[in-house]
Amino acid sequence: MNRRLLGVLIGWLGALSLATAQTSAPAVGRIMALTEDAAQTGHLVELIRRVVGRLDVVMGFGPSAKAEVILAARPSTVVVEWGARRTDREAWRRERDGFVPALRARLEALRRPQGPRVILLLPAVPANSAATWNRQEVRALLRQAAREAGVATLDLAAAGQLTPDNPSQGEFMELTLALADRRQSKRGWRVVRVSSAQMNEGPGSMAIDGKPETHWHTQYSPAQPKPPHELVIDLGQSLNFSGVSLLPRQDGGVNGRIGKVEVYTAETLDGLTGSPTVVGQGKSSPEPLRVLFGRGIQARYLRLVVLSEAQNGPWASLAELDLLPTLPLTGARPRGQ
């Protein structure tokens, strides 16, 4: 299929979907793909369509698309691929200083109250490739833009590294998109108990507010209580999940990044005792710590006990706690495989 025909097809598909969106409620799981390179729009749409087959509408947009046009289709999620395909070093040097502000503005334009979840893709860094120099540098700038705009990231370099399930890249993408959808449904969650919090910066509720730019932080003034630190959450209903994702603070600070952590789950508050469901070990990194149970469990209450900070400090902090769906995920693999 040549580029012109592909563009016509995507435009027709977009117009049809926009017309549908204006006359009916948005479908659950409607996803939009936004790329910097219009020639790659069809590729990204097809990738998402193949690995997340249960989503009923997938639309693609190139760099000239305005946020209002994308939001008019009322998507639940917008996946953004940006900055990973340059090969001209001189052109990149001229553009580099303005890259983060321009991308941040684009991402912020997509974020609205009650609007879609925005996910910025972090490209993998291929070995022995002409794009290696660019992707190594641009990944850091993508993280910065995502942090400043308060949006989630999906790191394709980490695909296949989740254990013990070790999902494929397709499963990893679906896992992340499912996770994004779950962030929209935290309204029934509440913090039952928190052992320590610096209330003027990070009350316990900020660990489950769906906003990566906020965080729970244990007390550091006037006292600095030492670990263990505890956070107990009522999920509002009994849910099935296979682990938790713990997103470190995204404001550039490093204090409180979680080291050793225990996760307890139960159907009742009284059941959050005894042996933990799982024990995880984090490191000093801005990346999410994913702690998998190795099986699906059913629970309404969750207790997080932070035994140590990654750098052996007395604090704990957490931007977002999310539940990981039970694997394997339906529609995760390309059709026909």
Protein backbone atom coordinates (compact mmCIF):
# COMPACT_ATOMS: atom_id res chain seq x y z
CA MET A 1 0.00 0.00 0.00
CA ASN A 2 1.55 3.35 -1.01
CA ARG A 3 1.66 6.33 1.31
CA ARG A 4 -0.99 8.34 -0.54
CA LEU A 5 -3.50 5.49 -0.43
CA LEU A 6 -2.64 4.85 3.22
CA GLY A 7 -3.23 8.51 4.03
CA VAL A 8 -6.60 8.49 2.24
CA LEU A 9 -7.61 5.36 4.10
CA ILE A 10 -6.61 6.79 7.48
CA GLY A 11 -8.40 10.06 6.70
CA TRP A 12 -11.55 8.20 5.69
CA LEU A 13 -11.36 6.05 8.79
CA GLY A 14 -10.89 9.13 10.95
CA ALA A 15 -13.83 10.97 9.38
CA LEU A 16 -16.08 7.95 9.84
CA SER A 17 -15.07 7.53 13.47
CA LEU A 18 -15.50 11.23 14.19
CA ALA A 19 -19.00 11.15 12.74
CA THR A 20 -19.82 8.15 14.90
CA ALA A 21 -18.39 9.81 18.01
CA GLN A 22 -20.61 12.87 17.53
CA THR A 23 -23.81 10.82 17.49
CA SER A 24 -23.14 8.13 20.11
CA ALA A 25 -21.38 7.53 23.41
CA PRO A 26 -17.70 6.66 23.16
CA ALA A 27 -16.89 2.97 23.02
CA VAL A 28 -15.02 1.55 25.97
CA GLY A 29 -11.37 1.21 25.04
CA ARG A 30 -11.38 3.61 22.09
CA ILE A 31 -7.74 4.40 21.38
CA MET A 32 -6.04 7.01 19.21
CA ALA A 33 -2.49 6.87 17.86
CA LEU A 34 -0.52 10.10 17.30
CA THR A 35 2.86 9.98 15.56
CA GLU A 36 5.43 12.58 14.56
CA ASP A 37 6.05 10.85 11.21
CA ALA A 38 2.85 10.72 9.16
CA ALA A 39 4.29 7.86 7.09
CA GLN A 40 4.46 5.75 10.26
CA THR A 41 0.91 6.42 11.41
CA GLY A 42 -0.49 3.37 9.68
CA HIS A 43 2.25 1.19 11.16
CA LEU A 44 1.49 2.29 14.72
CA VAL A 45 -2.25 1.90 14.21
CA GLU A 46 -1.75 -1.64 12.90
CA LEU A 47 0.56 -2.54 15.77
CA ILE A 48 -1.98 -1.39 18.34
CA ARG A 49 -4.86 -3.01 16.46
CA ARG A 50 -3.05 -6.34 16.31
CA VAL A 51 -1.85 -6.53 19.89
CA VAL A 52 -4.94 -5.02 21.49
CA GLY A 53 -7.59 -6.60 19.33
CA ARG A 54 -10.42 -6.07 21.82
CA LEU A 55 -10.39 -2.30 21.26
CA ASP A 56 -13.11 -1.59 18.75
CA VAL A 57 -11.89 1.70 17.22
CA VAL A 58 -8.27 2.60 16.45
CA MET A 59 -7.53 5.86 14.65
CA GLY A 60 -4.23 7.33 13.51
CA PHE A 61 -3.14 10.97 13.38
CA GLY A 62 -0.02 12.62 11.97
CA PRO A 63 1.93 15.59 13.36
CA SER A 64 -0.40 18.24 11.92
CA ALA A 65 -3.42 16.94 13.84
CA LYS A 66 -4.80 19.39 16.39
CA ALA A 67 -5.72 18.27 19.90
CA GLU A 68 -9.34 19.37 19.40
CA VAL A 69 -9.74 16.99 16.45
CA ILE A 70 -8.37 14.05 18.43
CA LEU A 71 -10.44 14.85 21.52
CA ALA A 72 -13.60 15.25 19.44
CA ALA A 73 -13.54 11.49 18.89
CA ARG A 74 -13.74 11.03 22.67
CA PRO A 75 -10.95 8.47 23.06
CA SER A 76 -10.23 6.68 26.32
CA THR A 77 -6.49 6.53 25.54
CA VAL A 78 -4.10 8.40 23.24
CA VAL A 79 -0.79 6.69 22.43
CA VAL A 80 1.90 9.14 21.27
CA GLU A 81 5.06 8.17 19.36
CA TRP A 82 7.43 11.14 19.00
CA GLY A 83 11.07 11.96 18.36
CA ALA A 84 12.51 8.51 17.66
CA ARG A 85 12.95 8.56 13.90
CA ARG A 86 15.47 11.29 13.20
CA THR A 87 18.75 10.45 11.46
CA ASP A 88 20.08 13.94 10.64
CA ARG A 89 22.40 14.88 13.52
CA GLU A 90 22.83 18.51 12.48
CA ALA A 91 19.09 19.06 12.23
CA TRP A 92 18.61 17.41 15.63
CA ARG A 93 21.20 19.68 17.26
CA ARG A 94 19.30 22.72 16.04
CA GLU A 95 15.98 21.36 17.30
CA ARG A 96 17.08 19.77 20.55
CA ASP A 97 16.65 22.76 22.87
CA GLY A 98 13.04 23.28 21.85
CA PHE A 99 12.10 19.59 21.74
CA VAL A 100 10.83 19.21 25.32
CA PRO A 101 8.79 22.45 25.48
CA ALA A 102 7.12 21.70 22.13
CA LEU A 103 6.28 18.11 23.05
CA ARG A 104 5.13 19.09 26.53
CA ALA A 105 2.71 21.63 25.02
CA ARG A 106 1.32 18.97 22.67
CA LEU A 107 0.84 16.48 25.51
CA GLU A 108 -0.74 19.06 27.80
CA ALA A 109 -3.20 19.98 25.05
CA LEU A 110 -4.43 16.37 25.06
CA ARG A 111 -4.87 16.27 28.82
CA ARG A 112 -8.27 17.59 29.87
CA PRO A 113 -10.51 17.06 32.92
CA GLN A 114 -12.38 13.79 32.37
CA GLY A 115 -10.34 13.42 29.16
CA PRO A 116 -8.32 10.52 27.79
CA ARG A 117 -5.32 8.85 29.36
CA VAL A 118 -2.19 9.92 27.44
CA ILE A 119 0.71 7.47 27.04
CA LEU A 120 4.05 8.49 25.51
CA LEU A 121 6.05 5.67 23.91
CA LEU A 122 9.73 5.36 24.80
CA PRO A 123 11.47 3.71 21.83
CA ALA A 124 13.75 0.72 22.19
CA VAL A 125 17.42 1.37 21.41
CA PRO A 126 18.52 -1.04 18.67
CA ALA A 127 22.11 -2.24 18.70
CA ASN A 128 24.34 -1.31 15.75
CA SER A 129 21.74 0.96 14.21
CA ALA A 130 21.99 4.40 12.66
CA ALA A 131 19.21 5.47 15.03
CA THR A 132 21.03 4.37 18.20
CA TRP A 133 22.63 7.75 18.92
CA ASN A 134 19.28 9.50 18.56
CA ARG A 135 17.22 7.10 20.62
CA GLN A 136 19.63 7.06 23.53
CA GLU A 137 19.48 10.83 23.77
CA VAL A 138 15.83 11.32 22.95
CA ARG A 139 14.62 8.80 25.53
CA ALA A 140 15.84 11.06 28.33
CA LEU A 141 14.06 14.05 26.77
CA LEU A 142 10.87 12.04 26.28
CA ARG A 143 10.89 11.13 29.97
CA GLN A 144 11.37 14.78 30.87
CA ALA A 145 8.48 15.91 28.66
CA ALA A 146 6.21 13.19 30.07
CA ARG A 147 7.13 14.12 33.63
CA GLU A 148 6.52 17.84 33.05
CA ALA A 149 3.22 17.19 31.27
CA GLY A 150 2.10 14.61 33.85
CA VAL A 151 1.52 11.74 31.39
CA ALA A 152 2.38 8.06 31.55
CA THR A 153 5.15 6.39 29.53
CA LEU A 154 5.37 2.97 27.90
CA ASP A 155 8.96 1.77 27.59
CA LEU A 156 9.23 -0.58 24.61
CA ALA A 157 12.80 -1.41 25.64
CA ALA A 158 11.38 -3.16 28.70
CA ALA A 159 9.08 -5.41 26.68
CA GLY A 160 9.54 -9.04 27.59
CA GLN A 161 11.32 -8.29 30.86
CA LEU A 162 8.37 -8.79 33.21
CA THR A 163 8.78 -11.88 35.34
CA PRO A 164 7.72 -14.57 36.04
CA ASP A 165 5.19 -14.29 33.21
CA ASN A 166 7.68 -12.73 30.76
CA PRO A 167 5.04 -11.44 28.32
CA SER A 168 5.79 -10.60 24.73
CA GLN A 169 5.97 -7.01 23.47
CA GLY A 170 2.32 -7.25 22.47
CA GLU A 171 1.30 -8.47 25.90
CA PHE A 172 3.43 -5.74 27.47
CA MET A 173 1.66 -3.04 25.48
CA GLU A 174 -1.77 -4.45 26.30
CA LEU A 175 -0.80 -4.75 29.95
CA THR A 176 0.15 -1.08 30.01
CA LEU A 177 -2.99 0.04 28.19
CA ALA A 178 -5.14 -2.03 30.52
CA LEU A 179 -3.29 -0.41 33.40
CA ALA A 180 -4.09 3.03 31.99
CA ASP A 181 -7.78 2.13 31.81
CA ARG A 182 -7.67 0.96 35.42
CA ARG A 183 -6.33 4.35 36.50
CA GLN A 184 -9.62 5.82 35.33
CA SER A 185 -11.56 3.59 37.73
CA LYS A 186 -9.90 4.46 41.06
CA ARG A 187 -12.75 6.65 42.21
CA GLY A 188 -13.98 3.89 44.52
CA TRP A 189 -10.56 3.43 46.14
CA ARG A 190 -9.69 4.93 49.51
CA VAL A 191 -6.76 4.91 51.89
CA VAL A 192 -7.77 3.13 55.09
CA ARG A 193 -4.50 3.66 56.93
CA VAL A 194 -1.13 5.28 56.34
CA SER A 195 1.67 5.04 58.87
CA SER A 196 3.37 8.32 57.95
CA ALA A 197 2.81 11.24 55.57
CA GLN A 198 4.19 14.72 54.97
CA MET A 199 0.74 16.28 54.71
CA ASN A 200 1.82 19.54 53.04
CA GLU A 201 3.49 17.55 50.22
CA GLY A 202 2.17 14.04 49.95
CA PRO A 203 -0.79 12.61 51.88
CA GLY A 204 -1.44 8.90 51.36
CA SER A 205 -4.37 9.58 49.03
CA MET A 206 -1.96 10.92 46.38
CA ALA A 207 -0.68 7.37 45.79
CA ILE A 208 -4.05 6.43 44.27
CA ASP A 209 -5.33 9.69 42.72
CA GLY A 210 -4.45 8.69 39.14
CA LYS A 211 -2.06 11.63 38.77
CA PRO A 212 1.61 10.72 38.19
CA GLU A 213 2.65 14.29 38.99
CA THR A 214 1.56 13.94 42.64
CA HIS A 215 2.93 11.50 45.22
CA TRP A 216 2.64 10.15 48.74
CA HIS A 217 5.69 10.98 50.85
CA THR A 218 6.39 9.88 54.41
CA GLN A 219 7.12 12.54 57.01
CA TYR A 220 10.49 14.28 56.83
CA SER A 221 9.82 17.38 58.97
CA PRO A 222 9.96 17.91 61.87
CA ALA A 223 10.47 14.15 62.42
CA GLN A 224 11.75 11.43 60.06
CA PRO A 225 10.28 8.10 61.10
CA LYS A 226 12.22 5.11 59.83
CA PRO A 227 10.85 2.13 57.91
CA PRO A 228 8.77 0.09 57.84
CA HIS A 229 6.15 2.38 56.29
CA GLU A 230 2.63 1.14 55.64
CA LEU A 231 -0.18 2.03 53.25
CA VAL A 232 -3.53 0.16 53.44
CA ILE A 233 -6.02 0.58 50.59
CA ASP A 234 -9.67 -0.39 50.19
CA LEU A 235 -10.27 -1.08 46.47
CA GLY A 236 -14.01 -0.56 46.91
CA GLN A 237 -14.87 -4.02 45.61
CA SER A 238 -13.31 -7.43 45.19
CA LEU A 239 -11.02 -7.40 42.14
CA ASN A 240 -8.91 -9.97 40.31
CA PHE A 241 -5.31 -8.95 39.62
CA SER A 242 -1.87 -10.52 39.24
CA GLY A 243 0.40 -7.93 40.85
CA VAL A 244 0.97 -4.26 41.55
CA SER A 245 2.78 -1.49 39.71
CA LEU A 246 4.50 1.06 41.94
CA LEU A 247 5.36 4.29 40.10
CA PRO A 248 8.11 6.31 41.85
CA ARG A 249 7.72 10.05 42.28
CA GLN A 250 7.98 11.79 38.90
CA ASP A 251 9.01 15.28 40.01
CA GLY A 252 12.74 14.61 39.60
CA GLY A 253 13.30 13.88 43.29
CA VAL A 254 14.87 10.61 44.37
CA ASN A 255 14.13 10.46 48.09
CA GLY A 256 11.74 7.69 49.02
CA ARG A 257 12.18 5.42 46.02
CA ILE A 258 11.06 2.03 47.25
CA GLY A 259 13.63 -0.70 47.98
CA LYS A 260 12.31 -3.86 49.63
CA VAL A 261 8.53 -4.03 49.82
CA GLU A 262 5.89 -6.52 50.99
CA VAL A 263 2.42 -6.70 49.47
CA TYR A 264 -0.47 -8.22 51.40
CA THR A 265 -3.91 -8.90 49.89
CA ALA A 266 -7.18 -10.07 51.41
CA GLU A 267 -10.95 -9.88 51.10
CA THR A 268 -11.21 -8.35 54.59
CA LEU A 269 -9.13 -5.88 56.58
CA ASP A 270 -8.53 -8.49 59.25
CA GLY A 271 -7.01 -10.77 56.61
CA LEU A 272 -4.08 -8.42 55.92
CA THR A 273 -1.81 -10.28 58.33
CA GLY A 274 0.44 -13.31 58.29
CA SER A 275 2.71 -13.94 55.31
CA PRO A 276 2.78 -11.39 52.45
CA THR A 277 1.32 -12.30 49.09
CA VAL A 278 4.64 -11.30 47.52
CA VAL A 279 7.91 -9.55 48.35
CA GLY A 280 9.50 -7.20 45.82
CA GLN A 281 12.82 -5.42 45.48
CA GLY A 282 13.10 -2.03 43.82
CA LYS A 283 16.04 0.15 42.83
CA SER A 284 16.75 3.85 42.57
CA SER A 285 15.02 4.42 39.23
CA PRO A 286 12.15 6.57 37.92
CA GLU A 287 10.69 3.46 36.25
CA PRO A 288 7.71 1.62 37.75
CA LEU A 289 8.45 -1.30 40.06
CA ARG A 290 6.19 -4.15 38.93
CA VAL A 291 5.70 -6.79 41.60
CA LEU A 292 3.98 -9.88 40.20
CA PHE A 293 2.23 -12.56 42.24
CA GLY A 294 2.82 -15.34 39.70
CA ARG A 295 -0.93 -16.03 39.67
CA GLY A 296 -4.21 -14.17 39.70
CA ILE A 297 -5.69 -13.38 43.11
CA GLN A 298 -9.05 -12.02 44.25
CA ALA A 299 -9.00 -9.31 46.92
CA ARG A 300 -10.65 -6.11 48.08
CA TYR A 301 -7.97 -4.87 50.47
CA LEU A 302 -4.29 -4.28 49.83
CA ARG A 303 -1.52 -3.53 52.32
CA LEU A 304 1.83 -2.16 51.18
CA VAL A 305 4.71 -2.37 53.64
CA VAL A 306 7.91 -0.57 52.60
CA LEU A 307 10.80 -2.19 54.48
CA SER A 308 13.59 -0.07 53.00
CA GLU A 309 14.33 2.84 50.71
CA ALA A 310 16.35 2.12 47.56
CA GLN A 311 19.19 4.36 48.78
CA ASN A 312 18.81 3.33 52.45
CA GLY A 313 17.17 6.58 53.49
CA PRO A 314 14.40 6.77 56.11
CA TRP A 315 11.62 7.78 53.68
CA ALA A 316 9.11 6.21 51.32
CA SER A 317 7.35 7.88 48.41
CA LEU A 318 4.97 6.67 45.72
CA ALA A 319 3.37 8.50 42.78
CA GLU A 320 0.87 5.80 41.81
CA LEU A 321 -0.11 2.32 42.92
CA ASP A 322 -1.89 0.36 40.19
CA LEU A 323 -3.16 -3.18 39.84
CA LEU A 324 -1.78 -5.41 37.09
CA PRO A 325 -4.40 -7.43 35.23
CA THR A 326 -4.26 -11.18 35.46
CA LEU A 327 -2.18 -12.66 32.62
CA PRO A 328 -2.46 -14.00 29.98
CA LEU A 329 -4.36 -11.12 28.44
CA THR A 330 -7.01 -11.66 25.81
CA GLY A 331 -5.99 -10.47 22.35
CA ALA A 332 -2.40 -9.87 23.37
CA ARG A 333 -0.83 -11.79 20.49
CA PRO A 334 -1.19 -10.87 16.82
CA ARG A 335 -4.06 -12.59 15.15
CA GLY A 336 -3.16 -15.78 13.35
CA GLN A 337 -0.34 -16.65 15.78
